[in-house]
Amino acid sequence: MSNLDSRTAVERAITHLLAQVPALKPLKLVALAEVHGGRDVQLIRVEMPGPKVTKELAPDARVTLEIRRDVLNDLLEADVKTWIRAWNTGRFKAHGVDQYLKLIGQVVAKTAAKGEGQRAKYSH
């Protein structure tokens, strides 16, 4: 899947994540994804709700995500737990307005915890 351009890869990864964490869908946010590939950096503007993803600067971004292209490729169709592991191990970074970062983190963590509770219920 590495043959996708960066804009398409970001859009696919976010769309897949939103399908797993629907509570984030109505979030109003402009973010900038800095996709690092070798010496090249692609700047991708992400507008929520949507996502509306364009290859342009985002001077109005409230959150900036820094991610290497190989990590983005790994997250294209990853589950929530994989996103959390990637975050916790520093495979991608985000900075910006704390309120947005905390809210996103809480919603993702709650969704992951719900998933574990449901798995535990059905494993009997």
PDB file of N, CA and C in Angstrom:
ATOM      1  N   MET A   1       0.808  -1.200   0.000  1.00  0.00           N
ATOM      2  CA  MET A   1       0.000   0.000   0.000  1.00  0.00           C
ATOM      3  C   MET A   1       0.851   1.265   0.000  1.00  0.00           C
ATOM      4  N   SER A   2       2.142   1.117  -0.015  1.00  0.00           N
ATOM      5  CA  SER A   2       3.019   2.271   0.034  1.00  0.00           C
ATOM      6  C   SER A   2       2.992   3.078  -1.256  1.00  0.00           C
ATOM      7  N   ASN A   3       2.295   2.570  -2.293  1.00  0.00           N
ATOM      8  CA  ASN A   3       2.230   3.323  -3.536  1.00  0.00           C
ATOM      9  C   ASN A   3       1.170   4.428  -3.496  1.00  0.00           C
ATOM     10  N   LEU A   4       0.424   4.539  -2.418  1.00  0.00           N
ATOM     11  CA  LEU A   4      -0.525   5.632  -2.259  1.00  0.00           C
ATOM     12  C   LEU A   4       0.238   6.930  -2.045  1.00  0.00           C
ATOM     13  N   ASP A   5      -0.290   8.037  -2.591  1.00  0.00           N
ATOM     14  CA  ASP A   5       0.343   9.314  -2.261  1.00  0.00           C
ATOM     15  C   ASP A   5       0.029   9.654  -0.803  1.00  0.00           C
ATOM     16  N   SER A   6       0.776  10.573  -0.235  1.00  0.00           N
ATOM     17  CA  SER A   6       0.640  10.883   1.194  1.00  0.00           C
ATOM     18  C   SER A   6      -0.747  11.375   1.551  1.00  0.00           C
ATOM     19  N   ARG A   7      -1.342  12.216   0.709  1.00  0.00           N
ATOM     20  CA  ARG A   7      -2.680  12.724   0.991  1.00  0.00           C
ATOM     21  C   ARG A   7      -3.680  11.582   1.079  1.00  0.00           C
ATOM     22  N   THR A   8      -3.628  10.676   0.125  1.00  0.00           N
ATOM     23  CA  THR A   8      -4.552   9.548   0.111  1.00  0.00           C
ATOM     24  C   THR A   8      -4.309   8.626   1.298  1.00  0.00           C
ATOM     25  N   ALA A   9      -3.042   8.410   1.651  1.00  0.00           N
ATOM     26  CA  ALA A   9      -2.718   7.557   2.791  1.00  0.00           C
ATOM     27  C   ALA A   9      -3.244   8.156   4.092  1.00  0.00           C
ATOM     28  N   VAL A  10      -3.072   9.464   4.289  1.00  0.00           N
ATOM     29  CA  VAL A  10      -3.589  10.123   5.491  1.00  0.00           C
ATOM     30  C   VAL A  10      -5.110  10.007   5.524  1.00  0.00           C
ATOM     31  N   GLU A  11      -5.761  10.278   4.412  1.00  0.00           N
ATOM     32  CA  GLU A  11      -7.223  10.192   4.362  1.00  0.00           C
ATOM     33  C   GLU A  11      -7.699   8.779   4.693  1.00  0.00           C
ATOM     34  N   ARG A  12      -7.066   7.776   4.112  1.00  0.00           N
ATOM     35  CA  ARG A  12      -7.479   6.391   4.359  1.00  0.00           C
ATOM     36  C   ARG A  12      -7.272   6.010   5.822  1.00  0.00           C
ATOM     37  N   ALA A  13      -6.128   6.383   6.395  1.00  0.00           N
ATOM     38  CA  ALA A  13      -5.843   6.035   7.787  1.00  0.00           C
ATOM     39  C   ALA A  13      -6.848   6.705   8.732  1.00  0.00           C
ATOM     40  N   ILE A  14      -7.141   7.977   8.494  1.00  0.00           N
ATOM     41  CA  ILE A  14      -8.079   8.693   9.363  1.00  0.00           C
ATOM     42  C   ILE A  14      -9.495   8.144   9.198  1.00  0.00           C
ATOM     43  N   THR A  15      -9.901   7.886   7.978  1.00  0.00           N
ATOM     44  CA  THR A  15     -11.238   7.338   7.738  1.00  0.00           C
ATOM     45  C   THR A  15     -11.393   5.989   8.439  1.00  0.00           C
ATOM     46  N   HIS A  16     -10.363   5.159   8.364  1.00  0.00           N
ATOM     47  CA  HIS A  16     -10.401   3.850   9.023  1.00  0.00           C
ATOM     48  C   HIS A  16     -10.457   4.010  10.547  1.00  0.00           C
ATOM     49  N   LEU A  17      -9.667   4.932  11.083  1.00  0.00           N
ATOM     50  CA  LEU A  17      -9.690   5.170  12.525  1.00  0.00           C
ATOM     51  C   LEU A  17     -11.050   5.688  12.971  1.00  0.00           C
ATOM     52  N   LEU A  18     -11.634   6.613  12.209  1.00  0.00           N
ATOM     53  CA  LEU A  18     -12.948   7.157  12.563  1.00  0.00           C
ATOM     54  C   LEU A  18     -14.032   6.086  12.537  1.00  0.00           C
ATOM     55  N   ALA A  19     -13.912   5.107  11.671  1.00  0.00           N
ATOM     56  CA  ALA A  19     -14.880   4.009  11.637  1.00  0.00           C
ATOM     57  C   ALA A  19     -14.828   3.217  12.945  1.00  0.00           C
ATOM     58  N   GLN A  20     -13.652   3.142  13.552  1.00  0.00           N
ATOM     59  CA  GLN A  20     -13.491   2.418  14.814  1.00  0.00           C
ATOM     60  C   GLN A  20     -13.787   3.280  16.033  1.00  0.00           C
ATOM     61  N   VAL A  21     -13.628   4.599  15.886  1.00  0.00           N
ATOM     62  CA  VAL A  21     -13.845   5.538  16.989  1.00  0.00           C
ATOM     63  C   VAL A  21     -14.857   6.588  16.514  1.00  0.00           C
ATOM     64  N   PRO A  22     -16.117   6.188  16.349  1.00  0.00           N
ATOM     65  CA  PRO A  22     -17.115   7.101  15.789  1.00  0.00           C
ATOM     66  C   PRO A  22     -17.368   8.345  16.641  1.00  0.00           C
ATOM     67  N   ALA A  23     -17.021   8.315  17.911  1.00  0.00           N
ATOM     68  CA  ALA A  23     -17.220   9.490  18.769  1.00  0.00           C
ATOM     69  C   ALA A  23     -16.365  10.666  18.314  1.00  0.00           C
ATOM     70  N   LEU A  24     -15.318  10.417  17.520  1.00  0.00           N
ATOM     71  CA  LEU A  24     -14.468  11.511  17.020  1.00  0.00           C
ATOM     72  C   LEU A  24     -15.033  12.150  15.747  1.00  0.00           C
ATOM     73  N   LYS A  25     -15.994  11.510  15.105  1.00  0.00           N
ATOM     74  CA  LYS A  25     -16.501  12.012  13.821  1.00  0.00           C
ATOM     75  C   LYS A  25     -17.011  13.453  13.868  1.00  0.00           C
ATOM     76  N   PRO A  26     -17.752  13.870  14.901  1.00  0.00           N
ATOM     77  CA  PRO A  26     -18.257  15.250  14.901  1.00  0.00           C
ATOM     78  C   PRO A  26     -17.247  16.309  15.363  1.00  0.00           C
ATOM     79  N   LEU A  27     -16.059  15.897  15.750  1.00  0.00           N
ATOM     80  CA  LEU A  27     -15.045  16.829  16.247  1.00  0.00           C
ATOM     81  C   LEU A  27     -14.737  17.904  15.207  1.00  0.00           C
ATOM     82  N   LYS A  28     -14.786  19.161  15.634  1.00  0.00           N
ATOM     83  CA  LYS A  28     -14.435  20.274  14.748  1.00  0.00           C
ATOM     84  C   LYS A  28     -12.984  20.637  15.019  1.00  0.00           C
ATOM     85  N   LEU A  29     -12.136  20.373  14.016  1.00  0.00           N
ATOM     86  CA  LEU A  29     -10.704  20.535  14.202  1.00  0.00           C
ATOM     87  C   LEU A  29     -10.020  20.640  12.852  1.00  0.00           C
ATOM     88  N   VAL A  30      -9.010  21.493  12.784  1.00  0.00           N
ATOM     89  CA  VAL A  30      -8.109  21.514  11.641  1.00  0.00           C
ATOM     90  C   VAL A  30      -6.759  21.048  12.158  1.00  0.00           C
ATOM     91  N   ALA A  31      -6.194  20.054  11.466  1.00  0.00           N
ATOM     92  CA  ALA A  31      -4.909  19.499  11.866  1.00  0.00           C
ATOM     93  C   ALA A  31      -3.959  19.518  10.673  1.00  0.00           C
ATOM     94  N   LEU A  32      -2.681  19.467  10.977  1.00  0.00           N
ATOM     95  CA  LEU A  32      -1.650  19.373   9.959  1.00  0.00           C
ATOM     96  C   LEU A  32      -0.913  18.059  10.179  1.00  0.00           C
ATOM     97  N   ALA A  33      -0.830  17.249   9.136  1.00  0.00           N
ATOM     98  CA  ALA A  33      -0.034  16.028   9.194  1.00  0.00           C
ATOM     99  C   ALA A  33       1.262  16.288   8.435  1.00  0.00           C
ATOM    100  N   GLU A  34       2.371  16.144   9.129  1.00  0.00           N
ATOM    101  CA  GLU A  34       3.692  16.242   8.502  1.00  0.00           C
ATOM    102  C   GLU A  34       4.161  14.812   8.258  1.00  0.00           C
ATOM    103  N   VAL A  35       4.139  14.403   6.996  1.00  0.00           N
ATOM    104  CA  VAL A  35       4.514  13.035   6.643  1.00  0.00           C
ATOM    105  C   VAL A  35       5.962  13.062   6.154  1.00  0.00           C
ATOM    106  N   HIS A  36       6.843  12.427   6.932  1.00  0.00           N
ATOM    107  CA  HIS A  36       8.272  12.426   6.637  1.00  0.00           C
ATOM    108  C   HIS A  36       8.641  11.167   5.865  1.00  0.00           C
ATOM    109  N   GLY A  37       9.258  11.363   4.724  1.00  0.00           N
ATOM    110  CA  GLY A  37       9.722  10.243   3.912  1.00  0.00           C
ATOM    111  C   GLY A  37      11.104  10.539   3.391  1.00  0.00           C
ATOM    112  N   GLY A  38      12.116   9.977   4.004  1.00  0.00           N
ATOM    113  CA  GLY A  38      13.487  10.295   3.616  1.00  0.00           C
ATOM    114  C   GLY A  38      13.779  11.754   3.917  1.00  0.00           C
ATOM    115  N   ARG A  39      14.193  12.497   2.889  1.00  0.00           N
ATOM    116  CA  ARG A  39      14.470  13.933   3.068  1.00  0.00           C
ATOM    117  C   ARG A  39      13.262  14.794   2.748  1.00  0.00           C
ATOM    118  N   ASP A  40      12.196  14.162   2.318  1.00  0.00           N
ATOM    119  CA  ASP A  40      10.990  14.859   1.889  1.00  0.00           C
ATOM    120  C   ASP A  40       9.981  14.939   3.026  1.00  0.00           C
ATOM    121  N   VAL A  41       9.286  16.070   3.139  1.00  0.00           N
ATOM    122  CA  VAL A  41       8.196  16.223   4.096  1.00  0.00           C
ATOM    123  C   VAL A  41       6.973  16.710   3.331  1.00  0.00           C
ATOM    124  N   GLN A  42       5.906  15.927   3.415  1.00  0.00           N
ATOM    125  CA  GLN A  42       4.636  16.313   2.790  1.00  0.00           C
ATOM    126  C   GLN A  42       3.757  16.944   3.864  1.00  0.00           C
ATOM    127  N   LEU A  43       3.150  18.077   3.561  1.00  0.00           N
ATOM    128  CA  LEU A  43       2.258  18.758   4.490  1.00  0.00           C
ATOM    129  C   LEU A  43       0.824  18.511   4.037  1.00  0.00           C
ATOM    130  N   ILE A  44       0.040  17.901   4.925  1.00  0.00           N
ATOM    131  CA  ILE A  44      -1.325  17.509   4.611  1.00  0.00           C
ATOM    132  C   ILE A  44      -2.269  18.179   5.602  1.00  0.00           C
ATOM    133  N   ARG A  45      -3.246  18.927   5.079  1.00  0.00           N
ATOM    134  CA  ARG A  45      -4.242  19.596   5.921  1.00  0.00           C
ATOM    135  C   ARG A  45      -5.438  18.670   6.086  1.00  0.00           C
ATOM    136  N   VAL A  46      -5.868  18.485   7.334  1.00  0.00           N
ATOM    137  CA  VAL A  46      -7.007  17.626   7.647  1.00  0.00           C
ATOM    138  C   VAL A  46      -8.046  18.480   8.363  1.00  0.00           C
ATOM    139  N   GLU A  47      -9.231  18.552   7.789  1.00  0.00           N
ATOM    140  CA  GLU A  47     -10.314  19.316   8.397  1.00  0.00           C
ATOM    141  C   GLU A  47     -11.410  18.353   8.831  1.00  0.00           C
ATOM    142  N   MET A  48     -11.822  18.516  10.075  1.00  0.00           N
ATOM    143  CA  MET A  48     -12.894  17.709  10.646  1.00  0.00           C
ATOM    144  C   MET A  48     -14.044  18.633  10.995  1.00  0.00           C
ATOM    145  N   PRO A  49     -15.318  18.180  10.961  1.00  0.00           N
ATOM    146  CA  PRO A  49     -15.680  16.818  10.592  1.00  0.00           C
ATOM    147  C   PRO A  49     -15.461  16.579   9.108  1.00  0.00           C
ATOM    148  N   GLY A  50     -15.414  15.352   8.784  1.00  0.00           N
ATOM    149  CA  GLY A  50     -15.145  14.944   7.411  1.00  0.00           C
ATOM    150  C   GLY A  50     -14.635  13.518   7.401  1.00  0.00           C
ATOM    151  N   PRO A  51     -13.407  13.313   7.150  1.00  0.00           N
ATOM    152  CA  PRO A  51     -12.340  14.293   7.013  1.00  0.00           C
ATOM    153  C   PRO A  51     -12.241  14.855   5.593  1.00  0.00           C
ATOM    154  N   LYS A  52     -11.893  16.122   5.524  1.00  0.00           N
ATOM    155  CA  LYS A  52     -11.551  16.759   4.255  1.00  0.00           C
ATOM    156  C   LYS A  52     -10.026  16.881   4.277  1.00  0.00           C
ATOM    157  N   VAL A  53      -9.378  16.162   3.377  1.00  0.00           N
ATOM    158  CA  VAL A  53      -7.921  16.056   3.397  1.00  0.00           C
ATOM    159  C   VAL A  53      -7.367  16.656   2.113  1.00  0.00           C
ATOM    160  N   THR A  54      -6.487  17.647   2.260  1.00  0.00           N
ATOM    161  CA  THR A  54      -5.886  18.306   1.104  1.00  0.00           C
ATOM    162  C   THR A  54      -4.385  18.441   1.319  1.00  0.00           C
ATOM    163  N   LYS A  55      -3.668  18.523   0.216  1.00  0.00           N
ATOM    164  CA  LYS A  55      -2.212  18.664   0.287  1.00  0.00           C
ATOM    165  C   LYS A  55      -1.890  20.153   0.240  1.00  0.00           C
ATOM    166  N   GLU A  56      -1.855  20.766   1.427  1.00  0.00           N
ATOM    167  CA  GLU A  56      -1.585  22.190   1.520  1.00  0.00           C
ATOM    168  C   GLU A  56      -1.177  22.554   2.940  1.00  0.00           C
ATOM    169  N   LEU A  57      -0.725  23.766   3.108  1.00  0.00           N
ATOM    170  CA  LEU A  57      -0.393  24.275   4.438  1.00  0.00           C
ATOM    171  C   LEU A  57      -1.664  24.422   5.258  1.00  0.00           C
ATOM    172  N   ALA A  58      -1.506  24.417   6.560  1.00  0.00           N
ATOM    173  CA  ALA A  58      -2.654  24.570   7.453  1.00  0.00           C
ATOM    174  C   ALA A  58      -2.303  25.573   8.551  1.00  0.00           C
ATOM    175  N   PRO A  59      -2.268  26.872   8.200  1.00  0.00           N
ATOM    176  CA  PRO A  59      -1.917  27.864   9.223  1.00  0.00           C
ATOM    177  C   PRO A  59      -2.944  27.932  10.354  1.00  0.00           C
ATOM    178  N   ASP A  60      -4.147  27.400  10.108  1.00  0.00           N
ATOM    179  CA  ASP A  60      -5.195  27.398  11.124  1.00  0.00           C
ATOM    180  C   ASP A  60      -5.232  26.093  11.924  1.00  0.00           C
ATOM    181  N   ALA A  61      -4.224  25.255  11.779  1.00  0.00           N
ATOM    182  CA  ALA A  61      -4.188  23.959  12.474  1.00  0.00           C
ATOM    183  C   ALA A  61      -4.076  24.150  13.980  1.00  0.00           C
ATOM    184  N   ARG A  62      -4.836  23.360  14.708  1.00  0.00           N
ATOM    185  CA  ARG A  62      -4.779  23.365  16.175  1.00  0.00           C
ATOM    186  C   ARG A  62      -3.932  22.212  16.700  1.00  0.00           C
ATOM    187  N   VAL A  63      -3.722  21.207  15.826  1.00  0.00           N
ATOM    188  CA  VAL A  63      -2.924  20.037  16.185  1.00  0.00           C
ATOM    189  C   VAL A  63      -2.019  19.708  15.001  1.00  0.00           C
ATOM    190  N   THR A  64      -0.780  19.339  15.294  1.00  0.00           N
ATOM    191  CA  THR A  64       0.153  18.896  14.263  1.00  0.00           C
ATOM    192  C   THR A  64       0.583  17.477  14.589  1.00  0.00           C
ATOM    193  N   LEU A  65       0.475  16.615  13.606  1.00  0.00           N
ATOM    194  CA  LEU A  65       0.884  15.222  13.732  1.00  0.00           C
ATOM    195  C   LEU A  65       2.151  15.029  12.919  1.00  0.00           C
ATOM    196  N   GLU A  66       3.183  14.474  13.536  1.00  0.00           N
ATOM    197  CA  GLU A  66       4.430  14.159  12.839  1.00  0.00           C
ATOM    198  C   GLU A  66       4.531  12.646  12.728  1.00  0.00           C
ATOM    199  N   ILE A  67       4.649  12.170  11.484  1.00  0.00           N
ATOM    200  CA  ILE A  67       4.660  10.729  11.270  1.00  0.00           C
ATOM    201  C   ILE A  67       5.564  10.390  10.089  1.00  0.00           C
ATOM    202  N   ARG A  68       6.341   9.327  10.235  1.00  0.00           N
ATOM    203  CA  ARG A  68       7.141   8.842   9.109  1.00  0.00           C
ATOM    204  C   ARG A  68       6.233   8.077   8.159  1.00  0.00           C
ATOM    205  N   ARG A  69       6.562   8.088   6.894  1.00  0.00           N
ATOM    206  CA  ARG A  69       5.715   7.448   5.890  1.00  0.00           C
ATOM    207  C   ARG A  69       5.560   5.947   6.142  1.00  0.00           C
ATOM    208  N   ASP A  70       6.604   5.266   6.574  1.00  0.00           N
ATOM    209  CA  ASP A  70       6.488   3.833   6.841  1.00  0.00           C
ATOM    210  C   ASP A  70       5.536   3.546   7.997  1.00  0.00           C
ATOM    211  N   VAL A  71       5.513   4.421   8.994  1.00  0.00           N
ATOM    212  CA  VAL A  71       4.585   4.262  10.116  1.00  0.00           C
ATOM    213  C   VAL A  71       3.158   4.507   9.633  1.00  0.00           C
ATOM    214  N   LEU A  72       2.972   5.532   8.819  1.00  0.00           N
ATOM    215  CA  LEU A  72       1.651   5.803   8.243  1.00  0.00           C
ATOM    216  C   LEU A  72       1.163   4.582   7.469  1.00  0.00           C
ATOM    217  N   ASN A  73       2.029   3.990   6.682  1.00  0.00           N
ATOM    218  CA  ASN A  73       1.645   2.793   5.929  1.00  0.00           C
ATOM    219  C   ASN A  73       1.197   1.670   6.865  1.00  0.00           C
ATOM    220  N   ASP A  74       1.897   1.515   8.001  1.00  0.00           N
ATOM    221  CA  ASP A  74       1.536   0.489   8.979  1.00  0.00           C
ATOM    222  C   ASP A  74       0.165   0.755   9.610  1.00  0.00           C
ATOM    223  N   LEU A  75      -0.228   2.026   9.698  1.00  0.00           N
ATOM    224  CA  LEU A  75      -1.475   2.393  10.374  1.00  0.00           C
ATOM    225  C   LEU A  75      -2.672   2.521   9.430  1.00  0.00           C
ATOM    226  N   LEU A  76      -2.464   2.328   8.147  1.00  0.00           N
ATOM    227  CA  LEU A  76      -3.544   2.523   7.173  1.00  0.00           C
ATOM    228  C   LEU A  76      -4.821   1.795   7.552  1.00  0.00           C
ATOM    229  N   GLU A  77      -4.705   0.549   7.942  1.00  0.00           N
ATOM    230  CA  GLU A  77      -5.894  -0.235   8.292  1.00  0.00           C
ATOM    231  C   GLU A  77      -5.750  -0.852   9.682  1.00  0.00           C
ATOM    232  N   ALA A  78      -5.026  -0.162  10.542  1.00  0.00           N
ATOM    233  CA  ALA A  78      -4.744  -0.680  11.882  1.00  0.00           C
ATOM    234  C   ALA A  78      -5.937  -0.507  12.809  1.00  0.00           C
ATOM    235  N   ASP A  79      -5.990  -1.363  13.822  1.00  0.00           N
ATOM    236  CA  ASP A  79      -7.024  -1.221  14.839  1.00  0.00           C
ATOM    237  C   ASP A  79      -6.596  -0.175  15.872  1.00  0.00           C
ATOM    238  N   VAL A  80      -7.513   0.166  16.735  1.00  0.00           N
ATOM    239  CA  VAL A  80      -7.269   1.224  17.728  1.00  0.00           C
ATOM    240  C   VAL A  80      -6.078   0.877  18.620  1.00  0.00           C
ATOM    241  N   LYS A  81      -5.976  -0.391  19.018  1.00  0.00           N
ATOM    242  CA  LYS A  81      -4.865  -0.793  19.896  1.00  0.00           C
ATOM    243  C   LYS A  81      -3.514  -0.572  19.214  1.00  0.00           C
ATOM    244  N   THR A  82      -3.443  -0.788  17.910  1.00  0.00           N
ATOM    245  CA  THR A  82      -2.195  -0.565  17.179  1.00  0.00           C
ATOM    246  C   THR A  82      -1.850   0.914  17.157  1.00  0.00           C
ATOM    247  N   TRP A  83      -2.859   1.774  16.970  1.00  0.00           N
ATOM    248  CA  TRP A  83      -2.640   3.231  17.031  1.00  0.00           C
ATOM    249  C   TRP A  83      -2.101   3.617  18.407  1.00  0.00           C
ATOM    250  N   ILE A  84      -2.700   3.073  19.458  1.00  0.00           N
ATOM    251  CA  ILE A  84      -2.268   3.395  20.823  1.00  0.00           C
ATOM    252  C   ILE A  84      -0.835   2.930  21.057  1.00  0.00           C
ATOM    253  N   ARG A  85      -0.513   1.714  20.611  1.00  0.00           N
ATOM    254  CA  ARG A  85       0.865   1.217  20.755  1.00  0.00           C
ATOM    255  C   ARG A  85       1.853   2.099  20.000  1.00  0.00           C
ATOM    256  N   ALA A  86       1.477   2.512  18.798  1.00  0.00           N
ATOM    257  CA  ALA A  86       2.359   3.380  17.997  1.00  0.00           C
ATOM    258  C   ALA A  86       2.590   4.707  18.719  1.00  0.00           C
ATOM    259  N   TRP A  87       1.546   5.254  19.312  1.00  0.00           N
ATOM    260  CA  TRP A  87       1.660   6.504  20.068  1.00  0.00           C
ATOM    261  C   TRP A  87       2.558   6.304  21.290  1.00  0.00           C
ATOM    262  N   ASN A  88       2.269   5.259  22.054  1.00  0.00           N
ATOM    263  CA  ASN A  88       3.007   5.017  23.301  1.00  0.00           C
ATOM    264  C   ASN A  88       4.479   4.715  23.074  1.00  0.00           C
ATOM    265  N   THR A  89       4.821   4.196  21.907  1.00  0.00           N
ATOM    266  CA  THR A  89       6.221   3.881  21.615  1.00  0.00           C
ATOM    267  C   THR A  89       6.902   4.992  20.822  1.00  0.00           C
ATOM    268  N   GLY A  90       6.208   6.105  20.607  1.00  0.00           N
ATOM    269  CA  GLY A  90       6.818   7.253  19.943  1.00  0.00           C
ATOM    270  C   GLY A  90       6.944   7.124  18.441  1.00  0.00           C
ATOM    271  N   ARG A  91       6.176   6.228  17.833  1.00  0.00           N
ATOM    272  CA  ARG A  91       6.268   6.052  16.381  1.00  0.00           C
ATOM    273  C   ARG A  91       5.640   7.219  15.632  1.00  0.00           C
ATOM    274  N   PHE A  92       4.758   7.963  16.304  1.00  0.00           N
ATOM    275  CA  PHE A  92       4.292   9.237  15.776  1.00  0.00           C
ATOM    276  C   PHE A  92       4.060  10.165  16.947  1.00  0.00           C
ATOM    277  N   LYS A  93       4.071  11.454  16.663  1.00  0.00           N
ATOM    278  CA  LYS A  93       3.936  12.457  17.715  1.00  0.00           C
ATOM    279  C   LYS A  93       2.882  13.471  17.313  1.00  0.00           C
ATOM    280  N   ALA A  94       2.259  14.053  18.308  1.00  0.00           N
ATOM    281  CA  ALA A  94       1.293  15.120  18.065  1.00  0.00           C
ATOM    282  C   ALA A  94       1.553  16.228  19.072  1.00  0.00           C
ATOM    283  N   HIS A  95       1.388  17.451  18.626  1.00  0.00           N
ATOM    284  CA  HIS A  95       1.489  18.582  19.528  1.00  0.00           C
ATOM    285  C   HIS A  95       0.492  19.636  19.068  1.00  0.00           C
ATOM    286  N   GLY A  96       0.186  20.516  19.974  1.00  0.00           N
ATOM    287  CA  GLY A  96      -0.793  21.556  19.666  1.00  0.00           C
ATOM    288  C   GLY A  96      -1.603  21.899  20.903  1.00  0.00           C
ATOM    289  N   VAL A  97      -2.855  22.269  20.699  1.00  0.00           N
ATOM    290  CA  VAL A  97      -3.743  22.687  21.780  1.00  0.00           C
ATOM    291  C   VAL A  97      -4.033  21.488  22.688  1.00  0.00           C
ATOM    292  N   ASP A  98      -3.646  21.629  23.955  1.00  0.00           N
ATOM    293  CA  ASP A  98      -3.785  20.523  24.913  1.00  0.00           C
ATOM    294  C   ASP A  98      -5.205  19.976  25.017  1.00  0.00           C
ATOM    295  N   GLN A  99      -6.202  20.854  24.999  1.00  0.00           N
ATOM    296  CA  GLN A  99      -7.584  20.399  25.145  1.00  0.00           C
ATOM    297  C   GLN A  99      -7.961  19.404  24.044  1.00  0.00           C
ATOM    298  N   TYR A 100      -7.542  19.664  22.811  1.00  0.00           N
ATOM    299  CA  TYR A 100      -7.827  18.741  21.710  1.00  0.00           C
ATOM    300  C   TYR A 100      -7.083  17.424  21.911  1.00  0.00           C
ATOM    301  N   LEU A 101      -5.809  17.520  22.254  1.00  0.00           N
ATOM    302  CA  LEU A 101      -5.003  16.311  22.427  1.00  0.00           C
ATOM    303  C   LEU A 101      -5.555  15.436  23.547  1.00  0.00           C
ATOM    304  N   LYS A 102      -5.936  16.044  24.658  1.00  0.00           N
ATOM    305  CA  LYS A 102      -6.501  15.285  25.778  1.00  0.00           C
ATOM    306  C   LYS A 102      -7.831  14.656  25.398  1.00  0.00           C
ATOM    307  N   LEU A 103      -8.695  15.420  24.734  1.00  0.00           N
ATOM    308  CA  LEU A 103      -9.995  14.902  24.330  1.00  0.00           C
ATOM    309  C   LEU A 103      -9.846  13.704  23.401  1.00  0.00           C
ATOM    310  N   ILE A 104      -9.004  13.844  22.392  1.00  0.00           N
ATOM    311  CA  ILE A 104      -8.786  12.741  21.445  1.00  0.00           C
ATOM    312  C   ILE A 104      -8.234  11.522  22.185  1.00  0.00           C
ATOM    313  N   GLY A 105      -7.266  11.737  23.053  1.00  0.00           N
ATOM    314  CA  GLY A 105      -6.683  10.636  23.822  1.00  0.00           C
ATOM    315  C   GLY A 105      -7.700   9.921  24.693  1.00  0.00           C
ATOM    316  N   GLN A 106      -8.564  10.684  25.354  1.00  0.00           N
ATOM    317  CA  GLN A 106      -9.587  10.082  26.216  1.00  0.00           C
ATOM    318  C   GLN A 106     -10.591   9.271  25.407  1.00  0.00           C
ATOM    319  N   VAL A 107     -11.039   9.819  24.288  1.00  0.00           N
ATOM    320  CA  VAL A 107     -12.032   9.128  23.457  1.00  0.00           C
ATOM    321  C   VAL A 107     -11.442   7.838  22.887  1.00  0.00           C
ATOM    322  N   VAL A 108     -10.212   7.894  22.406  1.00  0.00           N
ATOM    323  CA  VAL A 108      -9.564   6.698  21.851  1.00  0.00           C
ATOM    324  C   VAL A 108      -9.362   5.659  22.948  1.00  0.00           C
ATOM    325  N   ALA A 109      -8.910   6.077  24.121  1.00  0.00           N
ATOM    326  CA  ALA A 109      -8.685   5.140  25.224  1.00  0.00           C
ATOM    327  C   ALA A 109      -9.992   4.482  25.663  1.00  0.00           C
ATOM    328  N   LYS A 110     -11.073   5.249  25.754  1.00  0.00           N
ATOM    329  CA  LYS A 110     -12.374   4.680  26.135  1.00  0.00           C
ATOM    330  C   LYS A 110     -12.856   3.677  25.097  1.00  0.00           C
ATOM    331  N   THR A 111     -12.663   3.998  23.835  1.00  0.00           N
ATOM    332  CA  THR A 111     -13.070   3.077  22.774  1.00  0.00           C
ATOM    333  C   THR A 111     -12.276   1.777  22.859  1.00  0.00           C
ATOM    334  N   ALA A 112     -10.981   1.880  23.085  1.00  0.00           N
ATOM    335  CA  ALA A 112     -10.142   0.685  23.206  1.00  0.00           C
ATOM    336  C   ALA A 112     -10.567  -0.144  24.419  1.00  0.00           C
ATOM    337  N   ALA A 113     -10.865   0.532  25.526  1.00  0.00           N
ATOM    338  CA  ALA A 113     -11.292  -0.177  26.735  1.00  0.00           C
ATOM    339  C   ALA A 113     -12.629  -0.877  26.507  1.00  0.00           C
ATOM    340  N   LYS A 114     -13.544  -0.232  25.799  1.00  0.00           N
ATOM    341  CA  LYS A 114     -14.836  -0.863  25.479  1.00  0.00           C
ATOM    342  C   LYS A 114     -14.617  -2.121  24.656  1.00  0.00           C
ATOM    343  N   GLY A 115     -13.734  -2.033  23.689  1.00  0.00           N
ATOM    344  CA  GLY A 115     -13.432  -3.181  22.841  1.00  0.00           C
ATOM    345  C   GLY A 115     -12.910  -4.357  23.644  1.00  0.00           C
ATOM    346  N   GLU A 116     -12.065  -4.076  24.627  1.00  0.00           N
ATOM    347  CA  GLU A 116     -11.540  -5.146  25.471  1.00  0.00           C
ATOM    348  C   GLU A 116     -12.637  -5.745  26.318  1.00  0.00           C
ATOM    349  N   GLY A 117     -13.542  -4.913  26.843  1.00  0.00           N
ATOM    350  CA  GLY A 117     -14.660  -5.415  27.647  1.00  0.00           C
ATOM    351  C   GLY A 117     -15.573  -6.303  26.826  1.00  0.00           C
ATOM    352  N   GLN A 118     -15.837  -5.913  25.578  1.00  0.00           N
ATOM    353  CA  GLN A 118     -16.696  -6.727  24.717  1.00  0.00           C
ATOM    354  C   GLN A 118     -16.018  -8.048  24.382  1.00  0.00           C
ATOM    355  N   ARG A 119     -14.717  -8.021  24.134  1.00  0.00           N
ATOM    356  CA  ARG A 119     -13.991  -9.262  23.833  1.00  0.00           C
ATOM    357  C   ARG A 119     -14.060 -10.199  25.038  1.00  0.00           C
ATOM    358  N   ALA A 120     -13.914  -9.631  26.230  1.00  0.00           N
ATOM    359  CA  ALA A 120     -13.950 -10.457  27.423  1.00  0.00           C
ATOM    360  C   ALA A 120     -15.326 -11.093  27.578  1.00  0.00           C
ATOM    361  N   LYS A 121     -16.388 -10.361  27.288  1.00  0.00           N
ATOM    362  CA  LYS A 121     -17.748 -10.879  27.385  1.00  0.00           C
ATOM    363  C   LYS A 121     -17.958 -12.066  26.447  1.00  0.00           C
ATOM    364  N   TYR A 122     -17.463 -11.921  25.221  1.00  0.00           N
ATOM    365  CA  TYR A 122     -17.730 -12.930  24.196  1.00  0.00           C
ATOM    366  C   TYR A 122     -16.760 -14.081  24.220  1.00  0.00           C
ATOM    367  N   SER A 123     -15.749 -14.048  25.052  1.00  0.00           N
ATOM    368  CA  SER A 123     -14.749 -15.098  25.045  1.00  0.00           C
ATOM    369  C   SER A 123     -15.182 -16.326  25.855  1.00  0.00           C
ATOM    370  N   HIS A 124     -16.309 -16.237  26.537  1.00  0.00           N
ATOM    371  CA  HIS A 124     -16.759 -17.383  27.371  1.00  0.00           C
ATOM    372  C   HIS A 124     -17.364 -18.466  26.542  1.00  0.00           C
TER     373      HIS A 124
END
